[in-house]
Amino acid sequence: MNIFFNELKPYYNIIDIRDNDSYNKGHAYNAINIPYERLLNNPSFYLNKEDKYYIYCKSGIRSKRACELLRLLNYNVVNVIDGYGK
């Protein structure tokens, strides 16, 4: 499943997987920052399999890959296809 950045709603579980510096320069309202490597190294620490998460990066490429990997682990994730940088 995919969604465009402008379709995000503030009540979604939004995860920004960019690095901390990029996140601190600007991010989606209500998004939390969990950098790509940290999230993929320990998803069970950050995610609950019963919840749905919307994941974005700068362009949508890394978030697509993250979502593919997390779906293999049975997480309910949605890729934000155009990212924050578009």
C-alpha atoms as a PDB file:
ATOM      1  CA  MET A   1       0.000   0.000   0.000  1.00  0.00           C
ATOM      2  CA  ASN A   2       1.172   3.505  -0.829  1.00  0.00           C
ATOM      3  CA  ILE A   3       0.025   7.029  -0.043  1.00  0.00           C
ATOM      4  CA  PHE A   4       1.149  10.477  -1.168  1.00  0.00           C
ATOM      5  CA  PHE A   5       2.720  12.825   1.374  1.00  0.00           C
ATOM      6  CA  ASN A   6      -0.095  15.384   1.041  1.00  0.00           C
ATOM      7  CA  GLU A   7      -2.612  12.667   1.982  1.00  0.00           C
ATOM      8  CA  LEU A   8      -1.116  12.116   5.448  1.00  0.00           C
ATOM      9  CA  LYS A   9      -3.401  12.919   8.360  1.00  0.00           C
ATOM     10  CA  PRO A  10      -2.087  14.173  11.729  1.00  0.00           C
ATOM     11  CA  TYR A  11      -3.632  11.280  13.651  1.00  0.00           C
ATOM     12  CA  TYR A  12      -1.711   8.629  11.661  1.00  0.00           C
ATOM     13  CA  ASN A  13       1.314   6.856  13.148  1.00  0.00           C
ATOM     14  CA  ILE A  14       3.859   8.671  10.985  1.00  0.00           C
ATOM     15  CA  ILE A  15       7.526   7.679  11.003  1.00  0.00           C
ATOM     16  CA  ASP A  16      10.269   9.765   9.422  1.00  0.00           C
ATOM     17  CA  ILE A  17      13.210   7.471   8.654  1.00  0.00           C
ATOM     18  CA  ARG A  18      15.620  10.225   7.611  1.00  0.00           C
ATOM     19  CA  ASP A  19      18.617  11.059   9.787  1.00  0.00           C
ATOM     20  CA  ASN A  20      18.170  13.242  12.864  1.00  0.00           C
ATOM     21  CA  ASP A  21      19.601  16.370  11.201  1.00  0.00           C
ATOM     22  CA  SER A  22      17.150  16.177   8.299  1.00  0.00           C
ATOM     23  CA  TYR A  23      14.249  15.572  10.673  1.00  0.00           C
ATOM     24  CA  ASN A  24      15.230  18.557  12.821  1.00  0.00           C
ATOM     25  CA  LYS A  25      15.242  20.826   9.747  1.00  0.00           C
ATOM     26  CA  GLY A  26      11.605  19.975   9.057  1.00  0.00           C
ATOM     27  CA  HIS A  27       9.185  17.070   9.153  1.00  0.00           C
ATOM     28  CA  ALA A  28       5.553  16.110   8.811  1.00  0.00           C
ATOM     29  CA  TYR A  29       3.277  17.254  11.620  1.00  0.00           C
ATOM     30  CA  ASN A  30       3.125  14.641  14.371  1.00  0.00           C
ATOM     31  CA  ALA A  31       5.877  12.472  12.805  1.00  0.00           C
ATOM     32  CA  ILE A  32       8.402  10.711  15.003  1.00  0.00           C
ATOM     33  CA  ASN A  33      11.981  10.217  13.901  1.00  0.00           C
ATOM     34  CA  ILE A  34      13.346   6.690  13.770  1.00  0.00           C
ATOM     35  CA  PRO A  35      16.287   6.603  11.350  1.00  0.00           C
ATOM     36  CA  TYR A  36      16.229   3.844   8.724  1.00  0.00           C
ATOM     37  CA  GLU A  37      18.967   1.640  10.175  1.00  0.00           C
ATOM     38  CA  ARG A  38      17.684   1.916  13.737  1.00  0.00           C
ATOM     39  CA  LEU A  39      14.148   0.971  12.700  1.00  0.00           C
ATOM     40  CA  LEU A  40      15.212  -2.003  10.596  1.00  0.00           C
ATOM     41  CA  ASN A  41      17.705  -3.283  13.158  1.00  0.00           C
ATOM     42  CA  ASN A  42      15.066  -3.518  15.889  1.00  0.00           C
ATOM     43  CA  PRO A  43      11.518  -3.052  14.545  1.00  0.00           C
ATOM     44  CA  SER A  44       9.849  -4.813  17.470  1.00  0.00           C
ATOM     45  CA  PHE A  45      11.183  -2.107  19.798  1.00  0.00           C
ATOM     46  CA  TYR A  46       9.409   0.645  17.837  1.00  0.00           C
ATOM     47  CA  LEU A  47       6.423  -0.985  16.148  1.00  0.00           C
ATOM     48  CA  ASN A  48       3.378  -2.922  17.225  1.00  0.00           C
ATOM     49  CA  LYS A  49       2.048  -5.444  14.707  1.00  0.00           C
ATOM     50  CA  GLU A  50      -1.555  -4.467  15.456  1.00  0.00           C
ATOM     51  CA  ASP A  51      -1.042  -0.820  14.450  1.00  0.00           C
ATOM     52  CA  LYS A  52      -0.637   0.769  11.028  1.00  0.00           C
ATOM     53  CA  TYR A  53       2.370   3.016  10.336  1.00  0.00           C
ATOM     54  CA  TYR A  54       3.029   5.522   7.562  1.00  0.00           C
ATOM     55  CA  ILE A  55       6.717   5.663   6.688  1.00  0.00           C
ATOM     56  CA  TYR A  56       8.493   8.362   4.734  1.00  0.00           C
ATOM     57  CA  CYS A  57      11.988   9.486   3.810  1.00  0.00           C
ATOM     58  CA  LYS A  58      13.208  12.281   1.534  1.00  0.00           C
ATOM     59  CA  SER A  59      12.194  10.818  -1.826  1.00  0.00           C
ATOM     60  CA  GLY A  60      10.224   7.648  -1.104  1.00  0.00           C
ATOM     61  CA  ILE A  61      12.967   5.229  -2.164  1.00  0.00           C
ATOM     62  CA  ARG A  62      14.299   4.216   1.270  1.00  0.00           C
ATOM     63  CA  SER A  63      10.815   4.184   2.755  1.00  0.00           C
ATOM     64  CA  LYS A  64       9.695   1.806  -0.011  1.00  0.00           C
ATOM     65  CA  ARG A  65      12.532  -0.567   0.842  1.00  0.00           C
ATOM     66  CA  ALA A  66      11.854  -0.267   4.579  1.00  0.00           C
ATOM     67  CA  CYS A  67       8.176  -1.052   4.037  1.00  0.00           C
ATOM     68  CA  GLU A  68       9.000  -4.081   1.891  1.00  0.00           C
ATOM     69  CA  LEU A  69      11.245  -5.477   4.625  1.00  0.00           C
ATOM     70  CA  LEU A  70       8.821  -4.669   7.439  1.00  0.00           C
ATOM     71  CA  ARG A  71       5.923  -6.288   5.586  1.00  0.00           C
ATOM     72  CA  LEU A  72       7.972  -9.501   5.403  1.00  0.00           C
ATOM     73  CA  LEU A  73       8.000  -9.352   9.216  1.00  0.00           C
ATOM     74  CA  ASN A  74       4.196  -8.886   9.250  1.00  0.00           C
ATOM     75  CA  TYR A  75       4.113  -5.203  10.161  1.00  0.00           C
ATOM     76  CA  ASN A  76       1.259  -3.104   8.799  1.00  0.00           C
ATOM     77  CA  VAL A  77       3.135  -0.298   7.038  1.00  0.00           C
ATOM     78  CA  VAL A  78       2.294   2.168   4.293  1.00  0.00           C
ATOM     79  CA  ASN A  79       4.930   3.768   2.101  1.00  0.00           C
ATOM     80  CA  VAL A  80       4.676   7.512   1.526  1.00  0.00           C
ATOM     81  CA  ILE A  81       5.730   7.398  -2.122  1.00  0.00           C
ATOM     82  CA  ASP A  82       6.790  10.974  -2.725  1.00  0.00           C
ATOM     83  CA  GLY A  83       8.601  11.615   0.565  1.00  0.00           C
ATOM     84  CA  TYR A  84       9.254  14.835   2.451  1.00  0.00           C
ATOM     85  CA  GLY A  85      11.662  16.359  -0.058  1.00  0.00           C
ATOM     86  CA  LYS A  86       9.236  16.641  -2.979  1.00  0.00           C
END
